[in-house]
PDB file of all heavy atoms in Angstrom:
ATOM      1  N   ASN A   1      26.742 -60.554 -59.476  1.00  0.00           N
ATOM      2  CA  ASN A   1      27.167 -60.647 -60.864  1.00  0.00           C
ATOM      3  C   ASN A   1      28.114 -61.841 -60.946  1.00  0.00           C
ATOM      4  O   ASN A   1      29.282 -61.742 -60.619  1.00  0.00           O
ATOM      5  CB  ASN A   1      27.862 -59.359 -61.290  1.00  0.00           C
ATOM      6  CG  ASN A   1      28.278 -59.382 -62.739  1.00  0.00           C
ATOM      7  OD1 ASN A   1      28.017 -60.333 -63.469  1.00  0.00           O
ATOM      8  ND2 ASN A   1      28.945 -58.329 -63.160  1.00  0.00           N
ATOM      9  N   MET A   2      27.572 -62.982 -61.339  1.00  0.00           N
ATOM     10  CA  MET A   2      28.350 -64.228 -61.332  1.00  0.00           C
ATOM     11  C   MET A   2      29.198 -64.352 -62.586  1.00  0.00           C
ATOM     12  O   MET A   2      28.805 -63.934 -63.665  1.00  0.00           O
ATOM     13  CB  MET A   2      27.414 -65.432 -61.239  1.00  0.00           C
ATOM     14  CG  MET A   2      26.624 -65.485 -59.976  1.00  0.00           C
ATOM     15  SD  MET A   2      25.715 -67.029 -59.735  1.00  0.00           S
ATOM     16  CE  MET A   2      24.989 -67.362 -61.307  1.00  0.00           C
ATOM     17  N   GLU A   3      30.366 -64.953 -62.396  1.00  0.00           N
ATOM     18  CA  GLU A   3      31.219 -65.293 -63.529  1.00  0.00           C
ATOM     19  C   GLU A   3      31.818 -66.665 -63.270  1.00  0.00           C
ATOM     20  O   GLU A   3      31.810 -67.150 -62.146  1.00  0.00           O
ATOM     21  CB  GLU A   3      32.303 -64.233 -63.729  1.00  0.00           C
ATOM     22  CG  GLU A   3      33.174 -63.972 -62.525  1.00  0.00           C
ATOM     23  CD  GLU A   3      34.113 -62.790 -62.731  1.00  0.00           C
ATOM     24  OE1 GLU A   3      34.205 -62.272 -63.848  1.00  0.00           O
ATOM     25  OE2 GLU A   3      34.762 -62.409 -61.772  1.00  0.00           O
ATOM     26  N   GLY A   4      32.265 -67.313 -64.317  1.00  0.00           N
ATOM     27  CA  GLY A   4      32.797 -68.666 -64.161  1.00  0.00           C
ATOM     28  C   GLY A   4      31.866 -69.660 -64.820  1.00  0.00           C
ATOM     29  O   GLY A   4      31.304 -69.398 -65.881  1.00  0.00           O
ATOM     30  N   GLY A   5      31.672 -70.822 -64.181  1.00  0.00           N
ATOM     31  CA  GLY A   5      30.818 -71.876 -64.730  1.00  0.00           C
ATOM     32  C   GLY A   5      29.392 -71.424 -64.952  1.00  0.00           C
ATOM     33  O   GLY A   5      28.750 -71.789 -65.925  1.00  0.00           O
ATOM     34  N   PHE A   6      28.888 -70.636 -64.039  1.00  0.00           N
ATOM     35  CA  PHE A   6      27.561 -70.042 -64.186  1.00  0.00           C
ATOM     36  C   PHE A   6      27.756 -68.539 -64.237  1.00  0.00           C
ATOM     37  O   PHE A   6      28.383 -67.960 -63.367  1.00  0.00           O
ATOM     38  CB  PHE A   6      26.664 -70.401 -62.999  1.00  0.00           C
ATOM     39  CG  PHE A   6      26.326 -71.856 -62.941  1.00  0.00           C
ATOM     40  CD1 PHE A   6      27.035 -72.708 -62.113  1.00  0.00           C
ATOM     41  CD2 PHE A   6      25.318 -72.376 -63.726  1.00  0.00           C
ATOM     42  CE1 PHE A   6      26.726 -74.054 -62.055  1.00  0.00           C
ATOM     43  CE2 PHE A   6      25.004 -73.722 -63.684  1.00  0.00           C
ATOM     44  CZ  PHE A   6      25.714 -74.569 -62.844  1.00  0.00           C
ATOM     45  N   MET A   7      27.208 -67.930 -65.274  1.00  0.00           N
ATOM     46  CA  MET A   7      27.371 -66.484 -65.434  1.00  0.00           C
ATOM     47  C   MET A   7      26.022 -65.800 -65.349  1.00  0.00           C
ATOM     48  O   MET A   7      25.009 -66.367 -65.735  1.00  0.00           O
ATOM     49  CB  MET A   7      27.998 -66.165 -66.788  1.00  0.00           C
ATOM     50  CG  MET A   7      29.429 -66.617 -66.929  1.00  0.00           C
ATOM     51  SD  MET A   7      30.117 -66.123 -68.528  1.00  0.00           S
ATOM     52  CE  MET A   7      29.998 -64.341 -68.436  1.00  0.00           C
ATOM     53  N   THR A   8      26.043 -64.571 -64.847  1.00  0.00           N
ATOM     54  CA  THR A   8      24.848 -63.739 -64.911  1.00  0.00           C
ATOM     55  C   THR A   8      24.544 -63.526 -66.385  1.00  0.00           C
ATOM     56  O   THR A   8      25.422 -63.172 -67.164  1.00  0.00           O
ATOM     57  CB  THR A   8      25.092 -62.399 -64.197  1.00  0.00           C
ATOM     58  OG1 THR A   8      25.350 -62.659 -62.820  1.00  0.00           O
ATOM     59  CG2 THR A   8      23.902 -61.469 -64.338  1.00  0.00           C
ATOM     60  N   THR A   9      23.311 -63.773 -66.782  1.00  0.00           N
ATOM     61  CA  THR A   9      22.967 -63.695 -68.204  1.00  0.00           C
ATOM     62  C   THR A   9      22.395 -62.347 -68.611  1.00  0.00           C
ATOM     63  O   THR A   9      22.281 -62.053 -69.789  1.00  0.00           O
ATOM     64  CB  THR A   9      21.954 -64.786 -68.581  1.00  0.00           C
ATOM     65  OG1 THR A   9      20.811 -64.654 -67.739  1.00  0.00           O
ATOM     66  CG2 THR A   9      22.561 -66.164 -68.420  1.00  0.00           C
ATOM     67  N   GLY A  10      22.031 -61.534 -67.655  1.00  0.00           N
ATOM     68  CA  GLY A  10      21.497 -60.222 -67.977  1.00  0.00           C
ATOM     69  C   GLY A  10      20.882 -59.592 -66.749  1.00  0.00           C
ATOM     70  O   GLY A  10      20.614 -60.261 -65.759  1.00  0.00           O
ATOM     71  N   SER A  11      20.703 -58.294 -66.797  1.00  0.00           N
ATOM     72  CA  SER A  11      20.090 -57.572 -65.690  1.00  0.00           C
ATOM     73  C   SER A  11      19.153 -56.507 -66.240  1.00  0.00           C
ATOM     74  O   SER A  11      19.301 -56.053 -67.372  1.00  0.00           O
ATOM     75  CB  SER A  11      21.156 -56.901 -64.815  1.00  0.00           C
ATOM     76  OG  SER A  11      21.945 -57.865 -64.178  1.00  0.00           O
ATOM     77  N   MET A  12      18.207 -56.121 -65.389  1.00  0.00           N
ATOM     78  CA  MET A  12      17.220 -55.112 -65.764  1.00  0.00           C
ATOM     79  C   MET A  12      16.977 -54.215 -64.560  1.00  0.00           C
ATOM     80  O   MET A  12      16.863 -54.691 -63.439  1.00  0.00           O
ATOM     81  CB  MET A  12      15.917 -55.795 -66.154  1.00  0.00           C
ATOM     82  CG  MET A  12      14.773 -54.866 -66.420  1.00  0.00           C
ATOM     83  SD  MET A  12      13.296 -55.857 -66.810  1.00  0.00           S
ATOM     84  CE  MET A  12      12.058 -54.605 -66.770  1.00  0.00           C
ATOM     85  N   VAL A  13      16.933 -52.927 -64.802  1.00  0.00           N
ATOM     86  CA  VAL A  13      16.590 -51.948 -63.774  1.00  0.00           C
ATOM     87  C   VAL A  13      15.426 -51.138 -64.329  1.00  0.00           C
ATOM     88  O   VAL A  13      15.479 -50.658 -65.463  1.00  0.00           O
ATOM     89  CB  VAL A  13      17.785 -51.020 -63.453  1.00  0.00           C
ATOM     90  CG1 VAL A  13      17.369 -49.897 -62.513  1.00  0.00           C
ATOM     91  CG2 VAL A  13      18.946 -51.820 -62.871  1.00  0.00           C
ATOM     92  N   SER A  14      14.370 -51.001 -63.535  1.00  0.00           N
ATOM     93  CA  SER A  14      13.199 -50.239 -63.972  1.00  0.00           C
ATOM     94  C   SER A  14      12.901 -49.111 -63.003  1.00  0.00           C
ATOM     95  O   SER A  14      13.032 -49.280 -61.793  1.00  0.00           O
ATOM     96  CB  SER A  14      11.965 -51.146 -64.058  1.00  0.00           C
ATOM     97  OG  SER A  14      12.123 -52.085 -65.085  1.00  0.00           O
ATOM     98  N   VAL A  15      12.520 -47.989 -63.545  1.00  0.00           N
ATOM     99  CA  VAL A  15      12.055 -46.849 -62.763  1.00  0.00           C
ATOM    100  C   VAL A  15      10.561 -46.743 -63.042  1.00  0.00           C
ATOM    101  O   VAL A  15      10.150 -46.543 -64.187  1.00  0.00           O
ATOM    102  CB  VAL A  15      12.778 -45.547 -63.178  1.00  0.00           C
ATOM    103  CG1 VAL A  15      12.267 -44.365 -62.372  1.00  0.00           C
ATOM    104  CG2 VAL A  15      14.285 -45.698 -63.039  1.00  0.00           C
ATOM    105  N   LEU A  16       9.754 -46.923 -61.983  1.00  0.00           N
ATOM    106  CA  LEU A  16       8.299 -46.942 -62.130  1.00  0.00           C
ATOM    107  C   LEU A  16       7.681 -45.830 -61.281  1.00  0.00           C
ATOM    108  O   LEU A  16       7.262 -46.071 -60.152  1.00  0.00           O
ATOM    109  CB  LEU A  16       7.749 -48.301 -61.691  1.00  0.00           C
ATOM    110  CG  LEU A  16       8.361 -49.538 -62.343  1.00  0.00           C
ATOM    111  CD1 LEU A  16       7.845 -50.800 -61.683  1.00  0.00           C
ATOM    112  CD2 LEU A  16       8.085 -49.549 -63.828  1.00  0.00           C
ATOM    113  N   PRO A  17       7.618 -44.609 -61.803  1.00  0.00           N
ATOM    114  CA  PRO A  17       7.037 -43.515 -61.020  1.00  0.00           C
ATOM    115  C   PRO A  17       5.572 -43.788 -60.691  1.00  0.00           C
ATOM    116  O   PRO A  17       4.846 -44.345 -61.513  1.00  0.00           O
ATOM    117  CB  PRO A  17       7.151 -42.301 -61.942  1.00  0.00           C
ATOM    118  CG  PRO A  17       8.085 -42.693 -63.027  1.00  0.00           C
ATOM    119  CD  PRO A  17       8.027 -44.174 -63.130  1.00  0.00           C
ATOM    120  N   GLN A  18       5.147 -43.389 -59.499  1.00  0.00           N
ATOM    121  CA  GLN A  18       3.752 -43.587 -59.116  1.00  0.00           C
ATOM    122  C   GLN A  18       2.820 -42.639 -59.867  1.00  0.00           C
ATOM    123  O   GLN A  18       1.652 -42.945 -60.049  1.00  0.00           O
ATOM    124  CB  GLN A  18       3.595 -43.430 -57.604  1.00  0.00           C
ATOM    125  CG  GLN A  18       4.235 -44.570 -56.849  1.00  0.00           C
ATOM    126  CD  GLN A  18       4.018 -44.459 -55.355  1.00  0.00           C
ATOM    127  OE1 GLN A  18       3.858 -43.377 -54.816  1.00  0.00           O
ATOM    128  NE2 GLN A  18       4.010 -45.596 -54.685  1.00  0.00           N
ATOM    129  N   GLN A  19       3.348 -41.508 -60.314  1.00  0.00           N
ATOM    130  CA  GLN A  19       2.532 -40.559 -61.065  1.00  0.00           C
ATOM    131  C   GLN A  19       2.333 -41.077 -62.491  1.00  0.00           C
ATOM    132  O   GLN A  19       3.289 -41.251 -63.235  1.00  0.00           O
ATOM    133  CB  GLN A  19       3.209 -39.179 -61.136  1.00  0.00           C
ATOM    134  CG  GLN A  19       3.521 -38.579 -59.781  1.00  0.00           C
ATOM    135  CD  GLN A  19       4.893 -39.024 -59.245  1.00  0.00           C
ATOM    136  OE1 GLN A  19       5.449 -40.030 -59.654  1.00  0.00           O
ATOM    137  NE2 GLN A  19       5.411 -38.273 -58.293  1.00  0.00           N
ATOM    138  N   PRO A  20       1.075 -41.294 -62.903  1.00  0.00           N
ATOM    139  CA  PRO A  20       0.815 -41.881 -64.223  1.00  0.00           C
ATOM    140  C   PRO A  20       1.239 -41.004 -65.397  1.00  0.00           C
ATOM    141  O   PRO A  20       1.392 -41.505 -66.506  1.00  0.00           O
ATOM    142  CB  PRO A  20      -0.698 -42.117 -64.220  1.00  0.00           C
ATOM    143  CG  PRO A  20      -1.239 -41.280 -63.140  1.00  0.00           C
ATOM    144  CD  PRO A  20      -0.137 -41.041 -62.148  1.00  0.00           C
ATOM    145  N   ASN A  21       1.463 -39.703 -65.177  1.00  0.00           N
ATOM    146  CA  ASN A  21       1.867 -38.831 -66.283  1.00  0.00           C
ATOM    147  C   ASN A  21       3.367 -38.918 -66.556  1.00  0.00           C
ATOM    148  O   ASN A  21       3.838 -38.420 -67.570  1.00  0.00           O
ATOM    149  CB  ASN A  21       1.463 -37.380 -65.998  1.00  0.00           C
ATOM    150  CG  ASN A  21       2.125 -36.832 -64.749  1.00  0.00           C
ATOM    151  OD1 ASN A  21       2.234 -37.529 -63.733  1.00  0.00           O
ATOM    152  ND2 ASN A  21       2.555 -35.586 -64.806  1.00  0.00           N
ATOM    153  N   LEU A  22       4.126 -39.562 -65.674  1.00  0.00           N
ATOM    154  CA  LEU A  22       5.560 -39.731 -65.898  1.00  0.00           C
ATOM    155  C   LEU A  22       5.818 -41.087 -66.548  1.00  0.00           C
ATOM    156  O   LEU A  22       5.181 -42.079 -66.197  1.00  0.00           O
ATOM    157  CB  LEU A  22       6.327 -39.632 -64.574  1.00  0.00           C
ATOM    158  CG  LEU A  22       6.266 -38.282 -63.864  1.00  0.00           C
ATOM    159  CD1 LEU A  22       6.978 -38.351 -62.517  1.00  0.00           C
ATOM    160  CD2 LEU A  22       6.893 -37.197 -64.738  1.00  0.00           C
ATOM    161  N   PRO A  23       6.768 -41.131 -67.493  1.00  0.00           N
ATOM    162  CA  PRO A  23       7.025 -42.402 -68.174  1.00  0.00           C
ATOM    163  C   PRO A  23       7.809 -43.382 -67.300  1.00  0.00           C
ATOM    164  O   PRO A  23       8.598 -42.979 -66.446  1.00  0.00           O
ATOM    165  CB  PRO A  23       7.867 -41.981 -69.385  1.00  0.00           C
ATOM    166  CG  PRO A  23       8.581 -40.760 -68.921  1.00  0.00           C
ATOM    167  CD  PRO A  23       7.606 -40.043 -68.001  1.00  0.00           C
ATOM    168  N   CYS A  24       7.586 -44.667 -67.524  1.00  0.00           N
ATOM    169  CA  CYS A  24       8.417 -45.699 -66.912  1.00  0.00           C
ATOM    170  C   CYS A  24       9.671 -45.827 -67.770  1.00  0.00           C
ATOM    171  O   CYS A  24       9.619 -45.656 -68.988  1.00  0.00           O
ATOM    172  CB  CYS A  24       7.685 -47.037 -66.870  1.00  0.00           C
ATOM    173  SG  CYS A  24       6.229 -47.013 -65.805  1.00  0.00           S
ATOM    174  N   ILE A  25      10.787 -46.095 -67.127  1.00  0.00           N
ATOM    175  CA  ILE A  25      12.062 -46.228 -67.840  1.00  0.00           C
ATOM    176  C   ILE A  25      12.651 -47.587 -67.488  1.00  0.00           C
ATOM    177  O   ILE A  25      12.687 -47.969 -66.314  1.00  0.00           O
ATOM    178  CB  ILE A  25      13.033 -45.099 -67.437  1.00  0.00           C
ATOM    179  CG1 ILE A  25      12.404 -43.733 -67.719  1.00  0.00           C
ATOM    180  CG2 ILE A  25      14.367 -45.253 -68.173  1.00  0.00           C
ATOM    181  CD1 ILE A  25      13.149 -42.571 -67.108  1.00  0.00           C
ATOM    182  N   HIS A  26      13.132 -48.299 -68.492  1.00  0.00           N
ATOM    183  CA  HIS A  26      13.680 -49.634 -68.289  1.00  0.00           C
ATOM    184  C   HIS A  26      15.077 -49.702 -68.897  1.00  0.00           C
ATOM    185  O   HIS A  26      15.268 -49.328 -70.057  1.00  0.00           O
ATOM    186  CB  HIS A  26      12.781 -50.694 -68.925  1.00  0.00           C
ATOM    187  CG  HIS A  26      11.366 -50.585 -68.480  1.00  0.00           C
ATOM    188  ND1 HIS A  26      10.930 -51.060 -67.263  1.00  0.00           N
ATOM    189  CD2 HIS A  26      10.280 -50.033 -69.080  1.00  0.00           C
ATOM    190  CE1 HIS A  26       9.635 -50.822 -67.138  1.00  0.00           C
ATOM    191  NE2 HIS A  26       9.214 -50.194 -68.222  1.00  0.00           N
ATOM    192  N   PHE A  27      16.029 -50.155 -68.118  1.00  0.00           N
ATOM    193  CA  PHE A  27      17.401 -50.344 -68.566  1.00  0.00           C
ATOM    194  C   PHE A  27      17.694 -51.830 -68.623  1.00  0.00           C
ATOM    195  O   PHE A  27      17.417 -52.550 -67.662  1.00  0.00           O
ATOM    196  CB  PHE A  27      18.383 -49.678 -67.583  1.00  0.00           C
ATOM    197  CG  PHE A  27      18.191 -48.205 -67.417  1.00  0.00           C
ATOM    198  CD1 PHE A  27      17.386 -47.718 -66.389  1.00  0.00           C
ATOM    199  CD2 PHE A  27      18.834 -47.299 -68.258  1.00  0.00           C
ATOM    200  CE1 PHE A  27      17.227 -46.348 -66.207  1.00  0.00           C
ATOM    201  CE2 PHE A  27      18.662 -45.937 -68.084  1.00  0.00           C
ATOM    202  CZ  PHE A  27      17.857 -45.455 -67.063  1.00  0.00           C
TER     203      PHE A  27
END
């Protein structure tokens, strides 16, 4: 997580269950 002259511009975390009946969740 950079700060200063160059900053982290965003992050994403995804939960991708292998079972197709479960939903994927994205943060």
